[in-house]
Amino acid sequence: MGTAALGAATVGYAAAIERTRWTLREATVPVLAEGAAPLRVLHISDLHMMPGQRSKQRWVADLATLAPDLVVNTGDNLAHRHAVPAVVRALGPLLDLPGVFVFGSNDYYAPKPKNPVRYLLPKARKKRIHGIPLPWRDLRAAFVEHGWIDLTHSRQTFSVAEQTIVAAGVDDPHLKRDRYEDIAGQPDPSAALRLGVTHSPEPRVLDLFAADGYDLVMAGHTHGGQLRVPGYGALVTNCELDRTRARGVSRWGAHTWLNVSAGLGTSPYAPVRFACPPEASLLTLVPRSNVAGQDGSGRGNRTRFGAGADIS
């Protein structure tokens, strides 16, 4: 009886409290060219929006008060065929800022009920179960109309805060829709930032971005594991990425950094989070020299990577 009561309390907390404990994760990342001024990048992912989720919509809209220089949206915005207005309402103030985006599987297809155990079984995860098609074209039109750049199989050069950024993205690797060959090649080495964007952080795609010399790759999809065990971390990532990188900033190879957002939503059929609150990420990008301090010795002015505290 005690075990059953503990289990019920855990599920109740995961569904009723933590699932809406909106959190901002902050980190400083040394990826800019020498002499570049710091850039503040807001990373939004995995909204999985339902029309009636007003608390989420209000919290996301309020992120505009952070005044980021750039917004990066890594997909899975929708969870319902009538959710496009809700997503636009949530992102409305952010759409007035410079932004880039790619889509994920739950922009294209609605979720369906699934046995949660299948996420623990690698073979079962490879079998795709899609719901009805979602109005992703309407969502894309709204984003593009407001000036956000669609990076799906596209490489674009633009200016943010008077600094040149080269950004490229692929369609969702989780659905095997990625065609990296469409963007392959080294981006402009003189740019202040070379940014890669993908929904699912599949290592085969991350390796390609790293080989081409991208400074930073941003992704979502994992939900940070969604259910994490304190002291152990994520149980799964729902992709080939190792579970130690399920959320937050990490290195990918010698040059490239990776940020994986734990996202802001869940499937409506699995509305729980545990030890993994819904999050957006605010990254302060600084020159690469900050990794070792001004004298290159590793002493003084050292940047604390990923050390920013979560702010609810």
Protein backbone atom coordinates (compact mmCIF):
# COMPACT_ATOMS: atom_id res chain seq x y z
CA MET A 1 0.00 0.00 0.00
CA GLY A 2 2.86 2.35 0.78
CA THR A 3 4.48 1.68 -2.58
CA ALA A 4 1.19 2.22 -4.38
CA ALA A 5 0.63 5.50 -2.52
CA LEU A 6 4.14 6.70 -3.40
CA GLY A 7 3.60 5.79 -7.03
CA ALA A 8 0.29 7.61 -7.15
CA ALA A 9 1.82 10.69 -5.53
CA THR A 10 4.69 10.67 -8.04
CA VAL A 11 2.35 10.43 -11.01
CA GLY A 12 0.15 13.16 -9.54
CA TYR A 13 3.14 15.47 -9.10
CA ALA A 14 4.47 14.71 -12.60
CA ALA A 15 1.09 15.36 -14.23
CA ALA A 16 -0.35 18.19 -12.16
CA ILE A 17 2.67 20.21 -10.99
CA GLU A 18 5.93 19.65 -12.84
CA ARG A 19 4.32 19.50 -16.29
CA THR A 20 3.50 23.22 -15.99
CA ARG A 21 6.52 24.36 -13.96
CA TRP A 22 7.78 26.56 -16.79
CA THR A 23 11.54 27.03 -16.56
CA LEU A 24 14.23 29.10 -18.25
CA ARG A 25 17.58 27.37 -18.60
CA GLU A 26 20.53 29.71 -19.12
CA ALA A 27 24.05 28.96 -20.35
CA THR A 28 27.07 30.76 -21.75
CA VAL A 29 28.65 29.13 -24.80
CA PRO A 30 32.02 30.11 -26.43
CA VAL A 31 31.20 29.81 -30.12
CA LEU A 32 31.61 33.26 -31.68
CA ALA A 33 34.49 34.52 -33.78
CA GLU A 34 37.22 36.51 -32.09
CA GLY A 35 36.21 40.09 -31.38
CA ALA A 36 32.47 39.45 -31.81
CA ALA A 37 30.08 41.05 -29.35
CA PRO A 38 28.00 38.62 -27.25
CA LEU A 39 24.71 37.41 -28.74
CA ARG A 40 21.65 36.29 -26.78
CA VAL A 41 19.79 33.41 -28.43
CA LEU A 42 16.43 32.11 -27.20
CA HIS A 43 15.81 28.45 -28.01
CA ILE A 44 12.17 27.30 -28.18
CA SER A 45 11.27 23.68 -28.88
CA ASP A 46 8.59 21.02 -28.55
CA LEU A 47 5.65 23.20 -27.60
CA HIS A 48 3.23 20.36 -28.48
CA MET A 49 0.54 22.99 -28.23
CA MET A 50 -3.13 22.24 -27.60
CA PRO A 51 -5.65 25.07 -28.18
CA GLY A 52 -6.64 25.42 -24.51
CA GLN A 53 -3.14 25.55 -22.97
CA ARG A 54 -3.37 29.18 -21.89
CA SER A 55 -0.74 29.04 -19.15
CA LYS A 56 1.88 27.84 -21.63
CA GLN A 57 0.86 30.46 -24.16
CA ARG A 58 1.15 33.29 -21.63
CA TRP A 59 4.55 32.12 -20.37
CA VAL A 60 6.03 31.74 -23.85
CA ALA A 61 4.72 35.15 -24.93
CA ASP A 62 6.35 36.72 -21.87
CA LEU A 63 9.77 35.43 -22.99
CA ALA A 64 9.87 38.40 -25.36
CA THR A 65 10.74 40.56 -22.33
CA LEU A 66 14.17 38.87 -22.37
CA ALA A 67 14.86 40.80 -25.61
CA PRO A 68 16.99 38.11 -27.28
CA ASP A 69 18.93 38.97 -30.41
CA LEU A 70 17.72 35.79 -32.17
CA VAL A 71 15.01 33.17 -31.65
CA VAL A 72 15.60 29.57 -32.76
CA ASN A 73 12.58 27.23 -32.97
CA THR A 74 13.46 23.55 -33.42
CA GLY A 75 9.99 22.20 -34.13
CA ASP A 76 7.18 20.03 -32.76
CA ASN A 77 5.01 23.10 -32.23
CA LEU A 78 1.65 21.37 -32.73
CA ALA A 79 -0.33 18.66 -30.94
CA HIS A 80 -3.77 19.34 -32.44
CA ARG A 81 -5.11 20.26 -35.87
CA HIS A 82 -6.65 23.47 -34.48
CA ALA A 83 -3.53 24.59 -32.57
CA VAL A 84 -1.96 26.93 -35.14
CA PRO A 85 -3.69 30.05 -33.71
CA ALA A 86 -2.56 29.05 -30.21
CA VAL A 87 1.06 28.68 -31.33
CA VAL A 88 0.97 32.04 -33.12
CA ARG A 89 -0.61 33.63 -30.02
CA ALA A 90 2.15 32.20 -27.80
CA LEU A 91 4.99 33.16 -30.12
CA GLY A 92 3.39 36.43 -31.22
CA PRO A 93 5.74 38.90 -29.47
CA LEU A 94 8.75 36.74 -30.41
CA LEU A 95 7.77 36.74 -34.08
CA ASP A 96 8.66 40.44 -34.17
CA LEU A 97 12.29 39.48 -33.43
CA PRO A 98 14.77 37.85 -35.83
CA GLY A 99 14.08 34.10 -35.91
CA VAL A 100 14.84 30.83 -37.69
CA PHE A 101 13.03 27.50 -37.58
CA VAL A 102 12.75 23.89 -38.72
CA PHE A 103 9.85 21.51 -38.15
CA GLY A 104 9.57 18.18 -36.35
CA SER A 105 7.35 15.13 -36.71
CA ASN A 106 4.58 16.65 -34.58
CA ASP A 107 4.29 19.59 -36.92
CA TYR A 108 3.45 17.17 -39.71
CA TYR A 109 1.39 14.54 -37.86
CA ALA A 110 -0.81 14.57 -34.77
CA PRO A 111 0.18 12.31 -31.87
CA LYS A 112 -1.60 9.02 -31.27
CA PRO A 113 -2.01 6.93 -28.09
CA LYS A 114 1.02 4.67 -27.63
CA ASN A 115 2.19 2.22 -25.01
CA PRO A 116 4.83 4.22 -23.07
CA VAL A 117 6.90 1.06 -22.63
CA ARG A 118 7.74 1.16 -26.35
CA TYR A 119 10.05 4.12 -25.72
CA LEU A 120 12.25 1.84 -23.62
CA LEU A 121 12.53 -0.74 -26.42
CA PRO A 122 14.89 0.26 -29.28
CA LYS A 123 13.19 -1.93 -31.88
CA ALA A 124 9.73 -0.63 -30.97
CA ARG A 125 10.93 2.99 -31.22
CA LYS A 126 11.89 2.48 -34.85
CA LYS A 127 8.30 1.73 -35.84
CA ARG A 128 6.61 5.04 -36.64
CA ILE A 129 2.99 5.53 -35.57
CA HIS A 130 1.49 8.68 -37.10
CA GLY A 131 -1.79 10.42 -36.46
CA ILE A 132 -3.72 12.64 -38.83
CA PRO A 133 -1.83 15.25 -40.91
CA LEU A 134 -1.46 18.64 -39.24
CA PRO A 135 -1.65 22.11 -40.91
CA TRP A 136 2.10 22.73 -40.92
CA ARG A 137 1.86 24.81 -44.09
CA ASP A 138 -0.37 27.31 -42.27
CA LEU A 139 2.13 27.50 -39.43
CA ARG A 140 5.03 27.95 -41.83
CA ALA A 141 3.15 30.73 -43.62
CA ALA A 142 2.59 32.55 -40.32
CA PHE A 143 6.27 32.27 -39.36
CA VAL A 144 7.55 33.39 -42.76
CA GLU A 145 5.03 36.25 -42.97
CA HIS A 146 6.48 37.64 -39.75
CA GLY A 147 10.02 37.41 -41.09
CA TRP A 148 11.31 34.18 -39.57
CA ILE A 149 13.59 32.16 -41.85
CA ASP A 150 12.71 28.57 -42.77
CA LEU A 151 16.01 26.66 -42.62
CA THR A 152 14.58 23.37 -43.90
CA HIS A 153 17.30 22.12 -46.26
CA SER A 154 18.46 25.70 -46.64
CA ARG A 155 21.58 27.67 -45.78
CA GLN A 156 21.07 31.39 -45.20
CA THR A 157 23.32 34.33 -44.37
CA PHE A 158 21.82 37.22 -42.42
CA SER A 159 22.74 39.91 -39.93
CA VAL A 160 21.74 40.06 -36.26
CA ALA A 161 22.89 42.85 -33.96
CA GLU A 162 25.24 43.98 -36.74
CA GLN A 163 26.94 40.58 -36.84
CA THR A 164 26.92 38.07 -39.69
CA ILE A 165 25.36 34.66 -39.05
CA VAL A 166 25.35 31.70 -41.40
CA ALA A 167 22.59 29.24 -40.45
CA ALA A 168 21.52 25.97 -42.04
CA GLY A 169 19.00 23.30 -41.16
CA VAL A 170 17.53 19.95 -42.13
CA ASP A 171 14.07 18.45 -42.02
CA ASP A 172 13.31 16.07 -39.16
CA PRO A 173 15.89 13.24 -38.98
CA HIS A 174 13.52 11.31 -36.68
CA LEU A 175 11.29 10.81 -39.73
CA LYS A 176 14.37 10.30 -41.94
CA ARG A 177 13.39 13.41 -43.92
CA ASP A 178 16.83 14.99 -43.59
CA ARG A 179 18.82 15.67 -46.77
CA TYR A 180 22.06 17.11 -45.49
CA GLU A 181 23.53 16.99 -49.00
CA ASP A 182 21.32 20.01 -49.81
CA ILE A 183 23.31 22.18 -47.40
CA ALA A 184 26.65 20.37 -47.38
CA GLY A 185 29.87 22.35 -47.49
CA GLN A 186 31.81 24.65 -45.24
CA PRO A 187 29.90 27.82 -44.28
CA ASP A 188 31.57 31.21 -44.52
CA PRO A 189 34.51 31.06 -42.06
CA SER A 190 34.42 34.85 -41.63
CA ALA A 191 30.91 34.80 -40.09
CA ALA A 192 30.59 35.62 -36.41
CA LEU A 193 28.50 32.46 -35.93
CA ARG A 194 27.91 29.33 -38.00
CA LEU A 195 24.70 27.77 -36.71
CA GLY A 196 23.18 24.37 -37.47
CA VAL A 197 19.52 23.61 -36.68
CA THR A 198 17.72 20.26 -36.54
CA HIS A 199 14.73 18.88 -34.69
CA SER A 200 16.07 15.49 -33.66
CA PRO A 201 19.75 15.45 -32.58
CA GLU A 202 20.68 12.31 -34.47
CA PRO A 203 24.46 11.74 -34.23
CA ARG A 204 24.74 11.06 -37.99
CA VAL A 205 23.46 14.61 -38.63
CA LEU A 206 25.48 16.21 -35.83
CA ASP A 207 28.64 14.61 -37.26
CA LEU A 208 27.97 16.24 -40.63
CA PHE A 209 27.45 19.69 -39.12
CA ALA A 210 30.66 19.27 -37.10
CA ALA A 211 32.65 18.07 -40.12
CA ASP A 212 31.58 21.17 -42.07
CA GLY A 213 32.81 23.44 -39.27
CA TYR A 214 29.59 24.67 -37.64
CA ASP A 215 30.17 26.36 -34.28
CA LEU A 216 26.84 25.49 -32.65
CA VAL A 217 24.03 23.03 -33.39
CA MET A 218 20.61 23.43 -31.74
CA ALA A 219 18.03 20.65 -31.43
CA GLY A 220 15.03 19.47 -29.42
CA HIS A 221 12.95 16.28 -29.65
CA THR A 222 14.29 14.48 -26.56
CA HIS A 223 12.09 16.28 -23.98
CA GLY A 224 15.20 15.95 -21.81
CA GLY A 225 14.11 12.36 -21.28
CA GLN A 226 10.77 13.68 -19.93
CA LEU A 227 11.04 11.23 -17.00
CA ARG A 228 14.42 11.51 -15.29
CA VAL A 229 15.75 9.62 -12.30
CA PRO A 230 17.55 11.89 -9.81
CA GLY A 231 21.23 10.99 -9.77
CA TYR A 232 20.89 8.99 -13.01
CA GLY A 233 19.29 11.32 -15.52
CA ALA A 234 17.24 10.53 -18.59
CA LEU A 235 16.14 6.97 -19.18
CA VAL A 236 15.86 7.44 -22.95
CA THR A 237 16.25 10.13 -25.61
CA ASN A 238 13.87 8.66 -28.25
CA CYS A 239 16.72 8.89 -30.78
CA GLU A 240 20.30 7.68 -31.18
CA LEU A 241 21.76 10.44 -29.00
CA ASP A 242 23.25 9.16 -25.76
CA ARG A 243 21.11 9.88 -22.71
CA THR A 244 23.82 12.01 -21.00
CA ARG A 245 23.16 14.70 -23.64
CA ALA A 246 19.36 14.58 -23.37
CA ARG A 247 19.23 18.27 -22.41
CA GLY A 248 21.57 21.21 -22.10
CA VAL A 249 24.92 22.20 -23.59
CA SER A 250 27.72 19.77 -24.45
CA ARG A 251 30.67 19.45 -26.80
CA TRP A 252 30.34 17.58 -30.10
CA GLY A 253 33.82 16.95 -31.39
CA ALA A 254 36.74 19.33 -31.13
CA HIS A 255 35.05 22.46 -32.46
CA THR A 256 31.26 22.21 -32.31
CA TRP A 257 28.92 22.80 -29.38
CA LEU A 258 25.45 21.28 -29.06
CA ASN A 259 22.40 22.57 -27.22
CA VAL A 260 19.47 20.21 -26.77
CA SER A 261 16.29 21.76 -25.41
CA ALA A 262 14.13 19.68 -23.08
CA GLY A 263 11.17 21.47 -24.64
CA LEU A 264 7.97 22.93 -23.28
CA GLY A 265 5.35 20.26 -23.91
CA THR A 266 4.37 16.63 -23.86
CA SER A 267 2.16 14.40 -25.91
CA PRO A 268 -1.47 14.83 -24.80
CA TYR A 269 -1.45 11.06 -24.28
CA ALA A 270 1.53 11.17 -21.90
CA PRO A 271 1.07 14.46 -20.00
CA VAL A 272 3.72 13.90 -17.33
CA ARG A 273 7.21 15.16 -16.54
CA PHE A 274 9.40 14.14 -13.63
CA ALA A 275 12.71 15.77 -12.61
CA CYS A 276 12.57 17.45 -16.01
CA PRO A 277 10.43 20.61 -16.01
CA PRO A 278 9.36 22.14 -19.33
CA GLU A 279 11.94 24.65 -20.47
CA ALA A 280 13.13 27.25 -22.91
CA SER A 281 16.85 28.02 -23.21
CA LEU A 282 18.55 31.41 -23.21
CA LEU A 283 22.10 31.08 -24.51
CA THR A 284 24.63 33.88 -24.24
CA LEU A 285 27.12 33.32 -27.03
CA VAL A 286 30.62 34.69 -26.51
CA PRO A 287 33.90 34.50 -28.45
CA ARG A 288 35.73 31.18 -28.49
CA SER A 289 38.73 32.69 -26.69
CA ASN A 290 36.64 32.87 -23.52
CA VAL A 291 37.11 29.14 -23.05
CA ALA A 292 40.65 29.68 -21.78
CA GLY A 293 40.63 33.22 -20.42
CA GLN A 294 42.31 36.22 -21.98
CA ASP A 295 45.84 34.86 -21.67
CA GLY A 296 44.97 31.41 -23.10
CA SER A 297 46.18 29.71 -19.93
CA GLY A 298 42.84 28.65 -18.59
CA ARG A 299 43.16 31.12 -15.68
CA GLY A 300 41.08 34.26 -15.15
CA ASN A 301 37.90 35.41 -16.91
CA ARG A 302 36.90 31.78 -17.33
CA THR A 303 33.40 31.18 -18.68
CA ARG A 304 31.18 28.77 -16.71
CA PHE A 305 29.57 26.76 -19.49
CA GLY A 306 26.03 25.68 -18.83
CA ALA A 307 26.27 26.93 -15.27
CA GLY A 308 23.34 29.32 -15.42
CA ALA A 309 20.70 28.43 -12.85
CA ASP A 310 17.23 27.40 -13.92
CA ILE A 311 14.76 30.23 -13.40
CA SER A 312 11.10 29.36 -13.07
